[in-house]
Amino acid sequence: MAAKKPRPGKRFRLRLYERLFEMIRWPTFLLIFASYLLWWISPDRPFLSFGRDLLLLVSAISFLLYVASLIAPALCFVQCRADQIIISSAIYRVSISYARVWSLKPLNVGVIYPLKKQGWSQRRFLRPLFHEQKTGQLTAVGMELTKFPVPIRWLKLWFNEYMFMPGTPGFLFIVNDWMSLSRQIEDYREQWRARRSTKVVKNVSIASEVLSKGDKR
């Protein structure tokens, strides 16, 4: 009997994107009210109509960005499926077959991307993530691949630069519980290997049976 495929695993939110939308949330919230207030108090004169309309447009766009900052983090995750790993950003996702996974190990992001060598804005972006883990280090799950499923230039259009392993094909997953994610990927990969082995054995058995029947004739 063929092994039953497991259900999709837990969605581990990508902290890089949660941090990004945290930084966007409050400025857009304040901009909504600031631009609307300026629109409200500005004189209603024909020669000022363009400026007032622009303020209203800014307020509307800020509102949409604020709503997106609340919703988008839930769309940015890594999740194990039966035959592949799904990596999702807010508007793009890629599937990685377990056949492409070469190795899996914990990595210190501070060693790969030293905080002191990053630009000012990048340091401001990353620093809170380093303080979240009690060790003071930012540990991520490093998943080295034999090859990316699509060109890396395309992937870098959609995924944060700190999600990539430098010098080798692979991803860095910065999540709240990196140990659970690592175990889950290993478990799903082992189950995938077991199903694949069973399928190969089954196919060989069927082929042997067909050949043996042919010999008897």
N, C-alpha and C. Protein backbone atom coordinates (compact mmCIF):
# COMPACT_ATOMS: atom_id res chain seq x y z
N MET A 1 0.85 -1.20 0.00
CA MET A 1 0.00 0.00 0.00
C MET A 1 0.89 1.25 0.00
N ALA A 2 0.60 2.20 -0.88
CA ALA A 2 1.40 3.41 -0.99
C ALA A 2 1.26 4.27 0.26
N ALA A 3 2.38 4.87 0.66
CA ALA A 3 2.37 5.73 1.84
C ALA A 3 1.51 6.97 1.58
N LYS A 4 0.72 7.32 2.56
CA LYS A 4 -0.17 8.47 2.42
C LYS A 4 0.63 9.77 2.53
N LYS A 5 0.33 10.71 1.63
CA LYS A 5 1.03 11.98 1.66
C LYS A 5 0.58 12.80 2.86
N PRO A 6 1.52 13.44 3.55
CA PRO A 6 1.14 14.25 4.72
C PRO A 6 0.44 15.54 4.32
N ARG A 7 -0.32 16.07 5.25
CA ARG A 7 -0.97 17.35 5.02
C ARG A 7 0.07 18.47 5.05
N PRO A 8 -0.27 19.63 4.49
CA PRO A 8 0.67 20.76 4.56
C PRO A 8 1.05 21.08 6.00
N GLY A 9 2.31 21.41 6.21
CA GLY A 9 2.79 21.72 7.55
C GLY A 9 2.43 23.12 7.99
N LYS A 10 2.98 23.49 9.11
CA LYS A 10 2.72 24.81 9.68
C LYS A 10 3.34 25.90 8.80
N ARG A 11 2.67 27.02 8.74
CA ARG A 11 3.23 28.18 8.04
C ARG A 11 4.10 28.97 9.01
N PHE A 12 5.38 29.03 8.73
CA PHE A 12 6.31 29.80 9.56
C PHE A 12 6.49 31.17 8.91
N ARG A 13 6.03 32.19 9.61
CA ARG A 13 6.14 33.54 9.06
C ARG A 13 7.59 33.99 8.97
N LEU A 14 7.89 34.67 7.89
CA LEU A 14 9.25 35.17 7.66
C LEU A 14 9.41 36.50 8.40
N ARG A 15 10.29 36.52 9.38
CA ARG A 15 10.45 37.69 10.24
C ARG A 15 10.97 38.90 9.48
N LEU A 16 11.70 38.70 8.41
CA LEU A 16 12.18 39.84 7.63
C LEU A 16 11.01 40.68 7.12
N TYR A 17 9.97 40.00 6.68
CA TYR A 17 8.81 40.72 6.15
C TYR A 17 7.94 41.28 7.27
N GLU A 18 7.85 40.55 8.37
CA GLU A 18 7.11 41.10 9.51
C GLU A 18 7.77 42.38 9.98
N ARG A 19 9.09 42.38 10.04
CA ARG A 19 9.83 43.57 10.44
C ARG A 19 9.63 44.71 9.44
N LEU A 20 9.66 44.39 8.15
CA LEU A 20 9.48 45.40 7.11
C LEU A 20 8.12 46.08 7.24
N PHE A 21 7.07 45.29 7.42
CA PHE A 21 5.73 45.87 7.51
C PHE A 21 5.49 46.56 8.85
N GLU A 22 6.21 46.14 9.89
CA GLU A 22 6.16 46.87 11.16
C GLU A 22 6.70 48.29 10.98
N MET A 23 7.77 48.42 10.19
CA MET A 23 8.37 49.73 9.95
C MET A 23 7.46 50.62 9.11
N ILE A 24 6.68 50.01 8.23
CA ILE A 24 5.79 50.78 7.35
C ILE A 24 4.52 51.21 8.08
N ARG A 25 4.08 50.38 9.03
CA ARG A 25 2.74 50.52 9.61
C ARG A 25 2.48 51.89 10.25
N TRP A 26 3.33 52.29 11.20
CA TRP A 26 3.05 53.53 11.94
C TRP A 26 3.24 54.79 11.11
N PRO A 27 4.26 54.88 10.26
CA PRO A 27 4.36 56.08 9.40
C PRO A 27 3.14 56.25 8.50
N THR A 28 2.64 55.15 7.93
CA THR A 28 1.46 55.27 7.07
C THR A 28 0.23 55.64 7.88
N PHE A 29 0.14 55.11 9.11
CA PHE A 29 -0.98 55.44 9.99
C PHE A 29 -1.02 56.93 10.28
N LEU A 30 0.15 57.49 10.60
CA LEU A 30 0.24 58.92 10.89
C LEU A 30 -0.01 59.76 9.64
N LEU A 31 0.46 59.26 8.50
CA LEU A 31 0.30 60.01 7.25
C LEU A 31 -1.16 60.10 6.83
N ILE A 32 -1.93 59.08 7.16
CA ILE A 32 -3.36 59.10 6.84
C ILE A 32 -4.02 60.33 7.47
N PHE A 33 -3.79 60.50 8.78
CA PHE A 33 -4.44 61.58 9.51
C PHE A 33 -3.83 62.94 9.21
N ALA A 34 -2.50 62.96 9.01
CA ALA A 34 -1.85 64.24 8.72
C ALA A 34 -2.33 64.81 7.39
N SER A 35 -2.36 63.97 6.35
CA SER A 35 -2.78 64.45 5.03
C SER A 35 -4.28 64.78 5.02
N TYR A 36 -5.06 63.98 5.74
CA TYR A 36 -6.51 64.26 5.77
C TYR A 36 -6.79 65.55 6.55
N LEU A 37 -6.04 65.76 7.63
CA LEU A 37 -6.22 66.98 8.41
C LEU A 37 -5.85 68.22 7.60
N LEU A 38 -4.75 68.13 6.84
CA LEU A 38 -4.35 69.25 5.99
C LEU A 38 -5.41 69.52 4.92
N TRP A 39 -5.99 68.44 4.38
CA TRP A 39 -7.05 68.61 3.39
C TRP A 39 -8.27 69.29 4.03
N TRP A 40 -8.57 68.93 5.27
CA TRP A 40 -9.75 69.45 5.97
C TRP A 40 -9.61 70.94 6.28
N ILE A 41 -8.41 71.34 6.69
CA ILE A 41 -8.24 72.73 7.11
C ILE A 41 -7.82 73.67 5.98
N SER A 42 -7.42 73.09 4.83
CA SER A 42 -6.99 73.96 3.73
C SER A 42 -8.20 74.68 3.12
N PRO A 43 -8.02 75.93 2.71
CA PRO A 43 -9.14 76.71 2.14
C PRO A 43 -9.67 76.06 0.87
N ASP A 44 -10.96 76.07 0.75
CA ASP A 44 -11.60 75.51 -0.45
C ASP A 44 -11.68 76.58 -1.53
N ARG A 45 -10.56 76.74 -2.24
CA ARG A 45 -10.47 77.74 -3.30
C ARG A 45 -10.16 77.04 -4.62
N PRO A 46 -10.66 77.56 -5.74
CA PRO A 46 -10.41 76.91 -7.04
C PRO A 46 -8.93 76.73 -7.35
N PHE A 47 -8.10 77.74 -7.04
CA PHE A 47 -6.68 77.64 -7.37
C PHE A 47 -5.93 76.66 -6.45
N LEU A 48 -6.58 76.22 -5.36
CA LEU A 48 -5.96 75.25 -4.45
C LEU A 48 -6.55 73.84 -4.62
N SER A 49 -7.44 73.70 -5.60
CA SER A 49 -8.15 72.42 -5.74
C SER A 49 -7.21 71.25 -6.04
N PHE A 50 -6.19 71.51 -6.87
CA PHE A 50 -5.25 70.43 -7.21
C PHE A 50 -4.50 69.95 -5.97
N GLY A 51 -4.04 70.90 -5.16
CA GLY A 51 -3.32 70.56 -3.93
C GLY A 51 -4.20 69.80 -2.95
N ARG A 52 -5.46 70.20 -2.82
CA ARG A 52 -6.39 69.52 -1.91
C ARG A 52 -6.69 68.11 -2.40
N ASP A 53 -6.85 67.96 -3.71
CA ASP A 53 -7.08 66.62 -4.27
C ASP A 53 -5.86 65.72 -4.06
N LEU A 54 -4.68 66.32 -4.17
CA LEU A 54 -3.46 65.55 -3.96
C LEU A 54 -3.35 65.06 -2.52
N LEU A 55 -3.72 65.93 -1.58
CA LEU A 55 -3.70 65.53 -0.16
C LEU A 55 -4.67 64.38 0.10
N LEU A 56 -5.82 64.45 -0.53
CA LEU A 56 -6.81 63.38 -0.37
C LEU A 56 -6.30 62.07 -0.98
N LEU A 57 -5.59 62.18 -2.10
CA LEU A 57 -5.01 61.00 -2.75
C LEU A 57 -3.93 60.38 -1.86
N VAL A 58 -3.10 61.21 -1.27
CA VAL A 58 -2.05 60.73 -0.36
C VAL A 58 -2.67 60.00 0.84
N SER A 59 -3.76 60.58 1.36
CA SER A 59 -4.44 59.95 2.50
C SER A 59 -5.01 58.59 2.11
N ALA A 60 -5.58 58.49 0.91
CA ALA A 60 -6.17 57.22 0.45
C ALA A 60 -5.08 56.17 0.23
N ILE A 61 -3.98 56.57 -0.40
CA ILE A 61 -2.87 55.63 -0.64
C ILE A 61 -2.27 55.16 0.68
N SER A 62 -2.13 56.09 1.61
CA SER A 62 -1.58 55.74 2.93
C SER A 62 -2.49 54.74 3.65
N PHE A 63 -3.78 54.93 3.50
CA PHE A 63 -4.73 53.99 4.11
C PHE A 63 -4.57 52.59 3.52
N LEU A 64 -4.43 52.51 2.21
CA LEU A 64 -4.25 51.21 1.55
C LEU A 64 -2.95 50.55 2.00
N LEU A 65 -1.89 51.35 2.13
CA LEU A 65 -0.61 50.80 2.59
C LEU A 65 -0.70 50.32 4.04
N TYR A 66 -1.44 51.05 4.85
CA TYR A 66 -1.62 50.64 6.25
C TYR A 66 -2.37 49.31 6.33
N VAL A 67 -3.43 49.18 5.56
CA VAL A 67 -4.18 47.92 5.54
C VAL A 67 -3.30 46.78 5.03
N ALA A 68 -2.50 47.07 4.01
CA ALA A 68 -1.59 46.05 3.47
C ALA A 68 -0.57 45.62 4.51
N SER A 69 -0.10 46.57 5.33
CA SER A 69 0.90 46.24 6.35
C SER A 69 0.32 45.34 7.44
N LEU A 70 -0.99 45.33 7.57
CA LEU A 70 -1.66 44.44 8.54
C LEU A 70 -1.88 43.04 7.96
N ILE A 71 -2.17 42.99 6.67
CA ILE A 71 -2.52 41.73 6.02
C ILE A 71 -1.30 40.99 5.48
N ALA A 72 -0.38 41.73 4.87
CA ALA A 72 0.73 41.13 4.13
C ALA A 72 1.62 40.18 4.95
N PRO A 73 1.93 40.46 6.23
CA PRO A 73 2.80 39.53 6.97
C PRO A 73 2.30 38.09 6.98
N ALA A 74 0.99 37.90 6.97
CA ALA A 74 0.43 36.54 6.97
C ALA A 74 0.65 35.84 5.63
N LEU A 75 0.96 36.61 4.59
CA LEU A 75 1.19 36.04 3.26
C LEU A 75 2.66 35.73 3.02
N CYS A 76 3.52 36.08 3.95
CA CYS A 76 4.97 35.87 3.81
C CYS A 76 5.40 34.75 4.73
N PHE A 77 5.64 33.58 4.19
CA PHE A 77 5.90 32.41 5.02
C PHE A 77 6.70 31.35 4.27
N VAL A 78 7.16 30.37 5.02
CA VAL A 78 7.74 29.15 4.44
C VAL A 78 6.93 27.99 5.00
N GLN A 79 6.58 27.06 4.14
CA GLN A 79 5.70 25.96 4.54
C GLN A 79 6.10 24.67 3.83
N CYS A 80 6.11 23.58 4.57
CA CYS A 80 6.39 22.27 3.99
C CYS A 80 5.11 21.68 3.41
N ARG A 81 5.20 21.19 2.20
CA ARG A 81 4.13 20.42 1.58
C ARG A 81 4.64 19.00 1.35
N ALA A 82 3.80 18.14 0.84
CA ALA A 82 4.18 16.74 0.68
C ALA A 82 5.40 16.56 -0.23
N ASP A 83 5.44 17.30 -1.35
CA ASP A 83 6.50 17.11 -2.34
C ASP A 83 7.42 18.30 -2.52
N GLN A 84 7.11 19.42 -1.87
CA GLN A 84 7.95 20.60 -2.04
C GLN A 84 7.80 21.56 -0.86
N ILE A 85 8.70 22.51 -0.81
CA ILE A 85 8.65 23.57 0.19
C ILE A 85 8.17 24.84 -0.51
N ILE A 86 7.20 25.50 0.08
CA ILE A 86 6.66 26.73 -0.48
C ILE A 86 7.30 27.92 0.25
N ILE A 87 7.85 28.85 -0.51
CA ILE A 87 8.39 30.09 0.04
C ILE A 87 7.58 31.22 -0.57
N SER A 88 6.93 31.99 0.28
CA SER A 88 5.99 32.99 -0.20
C SER A 88 6.33 34.38 0.31
N SER A 89 6.32 35.34 -0.60
CA SER A 89 6.34 36.75 -0.21
C SER A 89 4.91 37.25 -0.38
N ALA A 90 4.69 38.53 -0.21
CA ALA A 90 3.32 39.04 -0.26
C ALA A 90 2.69 38.88 -1.64
N ILE A 91 3.51 38.93 -2.71
CA ILE A 91 2.94 38.89 -4.06
C ILE A 91 3.56 37.83 -4.96
N TYR A 92 4.45 37.02 -4.40
CA TYR A 92 5.09 35.99 -5.23
C TYR A 92 5.47 34.81 -4.36
N ARG A 93 5.36 33.59 -4.91
CA ARG A 93 5.80 32.41 -4.19
C ARG A 93 6.52 31.45 -5.13
N VAL A 94 7.42 30.68 -4.56
CA VAL A 94 8.19 29.72 -5.34
C VAL A 94 8.15 28.37 -4.63
N SER A 95 8.14 27.29 -5.42
CA SER A 95 8.12 25.94 -4.89
C SER A 95 9.50 25.31 -5.07
N ILE A 96 10.01 24.71 -4.00
CA ILE A 96 11.31 24.04 -4.03
C ILE A 96 11.10 22.55 -3.81
N SER A 97 11.43 21.74 -4.80
CA SER A 97 11.30 20.29 -4.64
C SER A 97 12.34 19.79 -3.63
N TYR A 98 11.97 18.77 -2.86
CA TYR A 98 12.92 18.19 -1.91
C TYR A 98 14.12 17.58 -2.62
N ALA A 99 13.96 17.26 -3.91
CA ALA A 99 15.08 16.73 -4.68
C ALA A 99 16.19 17.77 -4.83
N ARG A 100 15.86 19.05 -4.71
CA ARG A 100 16.84 20.12 -4.85
C ARG A 100 17.56 20.45 -3.54
N VAL A 101 17.01 19.97 -2.41
CA VAL A 101 17.60 20.31 -1.11
C VAL A 101 18.87 19.49 -0.90
N TRP A 102 19.99 20.20 -0.79
CA TRP A 102 21.29 19.54 -0.61
C TRP A 102 21.63 19.34 0.86
N SER A 103 21.41 20.38 1.66
CA SER A 103 21.70 20.28 3.09
C SER A 103 20.85 21.28 3.86
N LEU A 104 20.75 21.02 5.15
CA LEU A 104 19.94 21.87 6.03
C LEU A 104 20.70 22.04 7.33
N LYS A 105 20.92 23.30 7.77
CA LYS A 105 21.69 23.53 8.98
C LYS A 105 21.40 24.91 9.56
N PRO A 106 21.60 25.07 10.87
CA PRO A 106 21.43 26.40 11.47
C PRO A 106 22.63 27.29 11.14
N LEU A 107 22.36 28.53 10.82
CA LEU A 107 23.43 29.47 10.47
C LEU A 107 23.24 30.77 11.22
N ASN A 108 24.34 31.40 11.59
CA ASN A 108 24.32 32.69 12.27
C ASN A 108 24.32 33.80 11.22
N VAL A 109 23.22 34.51 11.13
CA VAL A 109 23.09 35.56 10.12
C VAL A 109 24.15 36.64 10.32
N GLY A 110 24.53 36.88 11.60
CA GLY A 110 25.53 37.90 11.89
C GLY A 110 26.90 37.57 11.35
N VAL A 111 27.17 36.31 11.10
CA VAL A 111 28.44 35.89 10.51
C VAL A 111 28.37 36.02 9.00
N ILE A 112 27.24 35.64 8.44
CA ILE A 112 27.08 35.71 6.98
C ILE A 112 26.93 37.15 6.51
N TYR A 113 26.13 37.92 7.26
CA TYR A 113 25.92 39.34 6.96
C TYR A 113 26.25 40.14 8.22
N PRO A 114 27.55 40.43 8.46
CA PRO A 114 27.92 41.17 9.68
C PRO A 114 27.17 42.50 9.77
N LEU A 115 26.58 42.74 10.92
CA LEU A 115 25.75 43.93 11.10
C LEU A 115 26.54 45.21 10.88
N LYS A 116 27.79 45.24 11.33
CA LYS A 116 28.62 46.45 11.20
C LYS A 116 28.92 46.81 9.76
N LYS A 117 28.86 45.83 8.89
CA LYS A 117 29.19 46.08 7.48
C LYS A 117 27.97 46.48 6.65
N GLN A 118 26.80 46.46 7.27
CA GLN A 118 25.59 46.85 6.54
C GLN A 118 25.42 48.37 6.61
N GLY A 119 24.67 48.89 5.67
CA GLY A 119 24.39 50.33 5.66
C GLY A 119 23.53 50.73 6.85
N TRP A 120 23.41 52.03 7.07
CA TRP A 120 22.67 52.53 8.23
C TRP A 120 21.22 52.03 8.23
N SER A 121 20.55 52.13 7.08
CA SER A 121 19.15 51.72 7.01
C SER A 121 19.00 50.21 7.22
N GLN A 122 19.96 49.43 6.69
CA GLN A 122 19.91 47.98 6.88
C GLN A 122 20.14 47.59 8.34
N ARG A 123 21.06 48.32 9.01
CA ARG A 123 21.30 48.04 10.44
C ARG A 123 20.05 48.35 11.26
N ARG A 124 19.40 49.45 10.94
CA ARG A 124 18.16 49.80 11.65
C ARG A 124 17.08 48.76 11.40
N PHE A 125 17.08 48.21 10.21
CA PHE A 125 16.10 47.19 9.84
C PHE A 125 16.38 45.86 10.56
N LEU A 126 17.64 45.45 10.63
CA LEU A 126 18.00 44.13 11.16
C LEU A 126 18.17 44.08 12.67
N ARG A 127 18.61 45.18 13.29
CA ARG A 127 18.99 45.14 14.71
C ARG A 127 17.92 44.56 15.64
N PRO A 128 16.65 44.94 15.52
CA PRO A 128 15.65 44.35 16.42
C PRO A 128 15.55 42.83 16.31
N LEU A 129 15.82 42.28 15.13
CA LEU A 129 15.75 40.84 14.95
C LEU A 129 16.85 40.13 15.73
N PHE A 130 18.02 40.77 15.84
CA PHE A 130 19.12 40.18 16.60
C PHE A 130 18.79 40.11 18.09
N HIS A 131 18.00 41.07 18.58
CA HIS A 131 17.69 41.13 20.01
C HIS A 131 16.55 40.20 20.41
N GLU A 132 15.86 39.62 19.44
CA GLU A 132 14.73 38.75 19.76
C GLU A 132 15.16 37.41 20.33
N GLN A 133 16.29 36.90 19.89
CA GLN A 133 16.77 35.60 20.37
C GLN A 133 17.63 35.80 21.61
N LYS A 134 17.41 34.97 22.62
CA LYS A 134 18.09 35.12 23.92
C LYS A 134 19.61 35.01 23.81
N THR A 135 20.09 34.31 22.81
CA THR A 135 21.54 34.13 22.65
C THR A 135 22.22 35.41 22.17
N GLY A 136 21.44 36.36 21.67
CA GLY A 136 22.02 37.58 21.13
C GLY A 136 22.48 37.41 19.69
N GLN A 137 22.35 36.19 19.19
CA GLN A 137 22.69 35.92 17.80
C GLN A 137 21.41 35.73 17.01
N LEU A 138 21.51 35.96 15.73
CA LEU A 138 20.35 35.77 14.86
C LEU A 138 20.54 34.47 14.10
N THR A 139 19.93 33.41 14.61
CA THR A 139 20.06 32.09 13.99
C THR A 139 18.95 31.88 12.98
N ALA A 140 19.33 31.41 11.82
CA ALA A 140 18.38 31.12 10.75
C ALA A 140 18.57 29.69 10.26
N VAL A 141 17.56 29.19 9.61
CA VAL A 141 17.67 27.87 8.98
C VAL A 141 18.26 28.07 7.59
N GLY A 142 19.43 27.50 7.35
CA GLY A 142 20.07 27.59 6.05
C GLY A 142 19.74 26.36 5.22
N MET A 143 19.11 26.57 4.09
CA MET A 143 18.75 25.46 3.20
C MET A 143 19.55 25.59 1.91
N GLU A 144 20.59 24.79 1.79
CA GLU A 144 21.43 24.82 0.59
C GLU A 144 20.81 23.96 -0.49
N LEU A 145 20.79 24.46 -1.71
CA LEU A 145 20.17 23.77 -2.83
C LEU A 145 21.20 23.32 -3.85
N THR A 146 20.84 22.32 -4.63
CA THR A 146 21.70 21.94 -5.74
C THR A 146 21.63 22.99 -6.84
N LYS A 147 20.43 23.60 -6.96
CA LYS A 147 20.21 24.62 -7.99
C LYS A 147 18.90 25.34 -7.71
N PHE A 148 18.85 26.63 -8.00
CA PHE A 148 17.59 27.36 -7.87
C PHE A 148 16.63 26.91 -8.96
N PRO A 149 15.32 26.86 -8.67
CA PRO A 149 14.35 26.43 -9.69
C PRO A 149 14.17 27.45 -10.81
N VAL A 150 14.46 28.72 -10.51
CA VAL A 150 14.40 29.80 -11.51
C VAL A 150 15.65 30.66 -11.31
N PRO A 151 16.02 31.48 -12.28
CA PRO A 151 17.22 32.31 -12.14
C PRO A 151 17.18 33.17 -10.87
N ILE A 152 18.32 33.29 -10.20
CA ILE A 152 18.39 34.03 -8.94
C ILE A 152 18.05 35.51 -9.14
N ARG A 153 18.34 36.06 -10.29
CA ARG A 153 18.00 37.46 -10.55
C ARG A 153 16.50 37.67 -10.47
N TRP A 154 15.75 36.70 -10.94
CA TRP A 154 14.29 36.79 -10.86
C TRP A 154 13.83 36.69 -9.41
N LEU A 155 14.43 35.76 -8.65
CA LEU A 155 14.05 35.59 -7.25
C LEU A 155 14.34 36.85 -6.43
N LYS A 156 15.46 37.51 -6.74
CA LYS A 156 15.85 38.69 -5.97
C LYS A 156 14.94 39.89 -6.25
N LEU A 157 14.13 39.80 -7.31
CA LEU A 157 13.14 40.85 -7.55
C LEU A 157 12.00 40.77 -6.54
N TRP A 158 11.78 39.57 -5.97
CA TRP A 158 10.60 39.33 -5.15
C TRP A 158 10.91 39.04 -3.68
N PHE A 159 12.14 38.61 -3.40
CA PHE A 159 12.49 38.24 -2.04
C PHE A 159 13.58 39.14 -1.48
N ASN A 160 13.53 39.34 -0.16
CA ASN A 160 14.51 40.17 0.52
C ASN A 160 15.92 39.64 0.32
N GLU A 161 16.89 40.54 0.18
CA GLU A 161 18.27 40.14 -0.09
C GLU A 161 18.86 39.27 1.02
N TYR A 162 18.37 39.42 2.27
CA TYR A 162 18.92 38.65 3.38
C TYR A 162 18.31 37.25 3.47
N MET A 163 17.51 36.88 2.49
CA MET A 163 16.97 35.52 2.44
C MET A 163 17.86 34.57 1.64
N PHE A 164 18.92 35.11 1.06
CA PHE A 164 19.77 34.29 0.19
C PHE A 164 21.12 34.00 0.84
N MET A 165 21.61 32.78 0.63
CA MET A 165 22.94 32.40 1.10
C MET A 165 23.96 32.91 0.08
N PRO A 166 24.97 33.66 0.52
CA PRO A 166 25.95 34.19 -0.44
C PRO A 166 26.91 33.10 -0.93
N GLY A 167 27.21 33.14 -2.22
CA GLY A 167 28.22 32.24 -2.77
C GLY A 167 27.73 30.85 -3.12
N THR A 168 26.52 30.50 -2.76
CA THR A 168 25.99 29.17 -3.05
C THR A 168 24.47 29.25 -3.18
N PRO A 169 23.87 28.42 -4.03
CA PRO A 169 22.41 28.44 -4.12
C PRO A 169 21.77 28.01 -2.80
N GLY A 170 20.90 28.81 -2.27
CA GLY A 170 20.26 28.46 -1.01
C GLY A 170 19.51 29.63 -0.39
N PHE A 171 18.67 29.30 0.59
CA PHE A 171 17.85 30.28 1.27
C PHE A 171 18.17 30.31 2.76
N LEU A 172 17.95 31.48 3.37
CA LEU A 172 18.02 31.65 4.82
C LEU A 172 16.62 31.97 5.31
N PHE A 173 16.14 31.17 6.24
CA PHE A 173 14.81 31.38 6.79
C PHE A 173 14.93 31.92 8.22
N ILE A 174 14.60 33.20 8.39
CA ILE A 174 14.59 33.81 9.72
C ILE A 174 13.15 33.78 10.22
N VAL A 175 12.89 32.90 11.17
CA VAL A 175 11.54 32.71 11.71
C VAL A 175 11.60 32.75 13.24
N ASN A 176 10.44 32.79 13.88
CA ASN A 176 10.40 32.84 15.34
C ASN A 176 10.93 31.56 15.99
N ASP A 177 10.67 30.42 15.38
CA ASP A 177 11.09 29.14 15.95
C ASP A 177 11.86 28.36 14.89
N TRP A 178 13.15 28.66 14.76
CA TRP A 178 13.93 28.05 13.69
C TRP A 178 14.15 26.56 13.91
N MET A 179 14.18 26.11 15.17
CA MET A 179 14.38 24.69 15.44
C MET A 179 13.19 23.86 14.97
N SER A 180 11.97 24.36 15.20
CA SER A 180 10.77 23.65 14.75
C SER A 180 10.72 23.60 13.23
N LEU A 181 11.08 24.69 12.59
CA LEU A 181 11.09 24.71 11.12
C LEU A 181 12.10 23.71 10.59
N SER A 182 13.29 23.68 11.18
CA SER A 182 14.33 22.75 10.73
C SER A 182 13.86 21.30 10.87
N ARG A 183 13.26 20.98 12.02
CA ARG A 183 12.76 19.61 12.22
C ARG A 183 11.67 19.27 11.22
N GLN A 184 10.79 20.23 10.95
CA GLN A 184 9.68 19.96 10.04
C GLN A 184 10.18 19.71 8.62
N ILE A 185 11.14 20.50 8.17
CA ILE A 185 11.68 20.28 6.83
C ILE A 185 12.33 18.91 6.73
N GLU A 186 13.10 18.53 7.77
CA GLU A 186 13.75 17.22 7.78
C GLU A 186 12.72 16.10 7.76
N ASP A 187 11.67 16.22 8.56
CA ASP A 187 10.63 15.19 8.62
C ASP A 187 9.94 15.02 7.27
N TYR A 188 9.56 16.14 6.67
CA TYR A 188 8.87 16.06 5.38
C TYR A 188 9.80 15.53 4.29
N ARG A 189 11.07 15.90 4.37
CA ARG A 189 12.02 15.40 3.36
C ARG A 189 12.23 13.90 3.49
N GLU A 190 12.29 13.40 4.74
CA GLU A 190 12.44 11.96 4.96
C GLU A 190 11.20 11.20 4.48
N GLN A 191 10.03 11.76 4.74
CA GLN A 191 8.81 11.11 4.27
C GLN A 191 8.75 11.10 2.75
N TRP A 192 9.21 12.17 2.13
CA TRP A 192 9.26 12.22 0.67
C TRP A 192 10.21 11.16 0.13
N ARG A 193 11.37 11.01 0.77
CA ARG A 193 12.33 9.98 0.33
C ARG A 193 11.75 8.58 0.48
N ALA A 194 11.03 8.35 1.59
CA ALA A 194 10.44 7.04 1.84
C ALA A 194 9.40 6.71 0.77
N ARG A 195 8.55 7.69 0.42
CA ARG A 195 7.55 7.46 -0.61
C ARG A 195 8.20 7.21 -1.96
N ARG A 196 9.27 7.94 -2.22
CA ARG A 196 9.98 7.77 -3.50
C ARG A 196 10.61 6.38 -3.59
N SER A 197 11.21 5.93 -2.50
CA SER A 197 11.84 4.60 -2.47
C SER A 197 10.79 3.51 -2.66
N THR A 198 9.64 3.67 -1.99
CA THR A 198 8.56 2.69 -2.12
C THR A 198 8.06 2.61 -3.55
N LYS A 199 7.97 3.78 -4.20
CA LYS A 199 7.50 3.83 -5.58
C LYS A 199 8.49 3.14 -6.51
N VAL A 200 9.78 3.35 -6.28
CA VAL A 200 10.81 2.73 -7.12
C VAL A 200 10.77 1.22 -6.97
N VAL A 201 10.68 0.75 -5.71
CA VAL A 201 10.61 -0.69 -5.45
C VAL A 201 9.38 -1.31 -6.10
N LYS A 202 8.26 -0.59 -6.01
CA LYS A 202 7.02 -1.08 -6.60
C LYS A 202 7.15 -1.20 -8.11
N ASN A 203 7.76 -0.19 -8.75
CA ASN A 203 7.92 -0.21 -10.20
C ASN A 203 8.85 -1.34 -10.64
N VAL A 204 9.92 -1.56 -9.85
CA VAL A 204 10.85 -2.66 -10.15
C VAL A 204 10.15 -4.00 -10.03
N SER A 205 9.31 -4.16 -9.00
CA SER A 205 8.58 -5.41 -8.78
C SER A 205 7.64 -5.69 -9.94
N ILE A 206 6.93 -4.64 -10.40
CA ILE A 206 6.00 -4.80 -11.52
C ILE A 206 6.75 -5.20 -12.79
N ALA A 207 7.90 -4.53 -13.01
CA ALA A 207 8.71 -4.84 -14.20
C ALA A 207 9.23 -6.27 -14.14
N SER A 208 9.67 -6.72 -12.96
CA SER A 208 10.17 -8.09 -12.80
C SER A 208 9.07 -9.11 -13.05
N GLU A 209 7.88 -8.78 -12.57
CA GLU A 209 6.75 -9.68 -12.77
C GLU A 209 6.39 -9.81 -14.24
N VAL A 210 6.41 -8.69 -14.96
CA VAL A 210 6.11 -8.71 -16.39
C VAL A 210 7.15 -9.52 -17.15
N LEU A 211 8.43 -9.35 -16.78
CA LEU A 211 9.50 -10.08 -17.44
C LEU A 211 9.42 -11.57 -17.18
N SER A 212 9.09 -11.92 -15.93
CA SER A 212 8.99 -13.35 -15.58
C SER A 212 7.86 -14.03 -16.32
N LYS A 213 6.75 -13.32 -16.52
CA LYS A 213 5.63 -13.87 -17.29
C LYS A 213 6.03 -14.07 -18.74
N GLY A 214 6.85 -13.14 -19.26
CA GLY A 214 7.30 -13.25 -20.64
C GLY A 214 8.22 -14.46 -20.82
N ASP A 215 9.06 -14.74 -19.82
CA ASP A 215 9.98 -15.88 -19.90
C ASP A 215 9.21 -17.19 -19.91
N LYS A 216 8.13 -17.26 -19.14
CA LYS A 216 7.34 -18.49 -19.06
C LYS A 216 6.70 -18.82 -20.39
N ARG A 217 6.42 -17.80 -21.18
CA ARG A 217 5.83 -18.04 -22.50
C ARG A 217 6.87 -18.63 -23.45
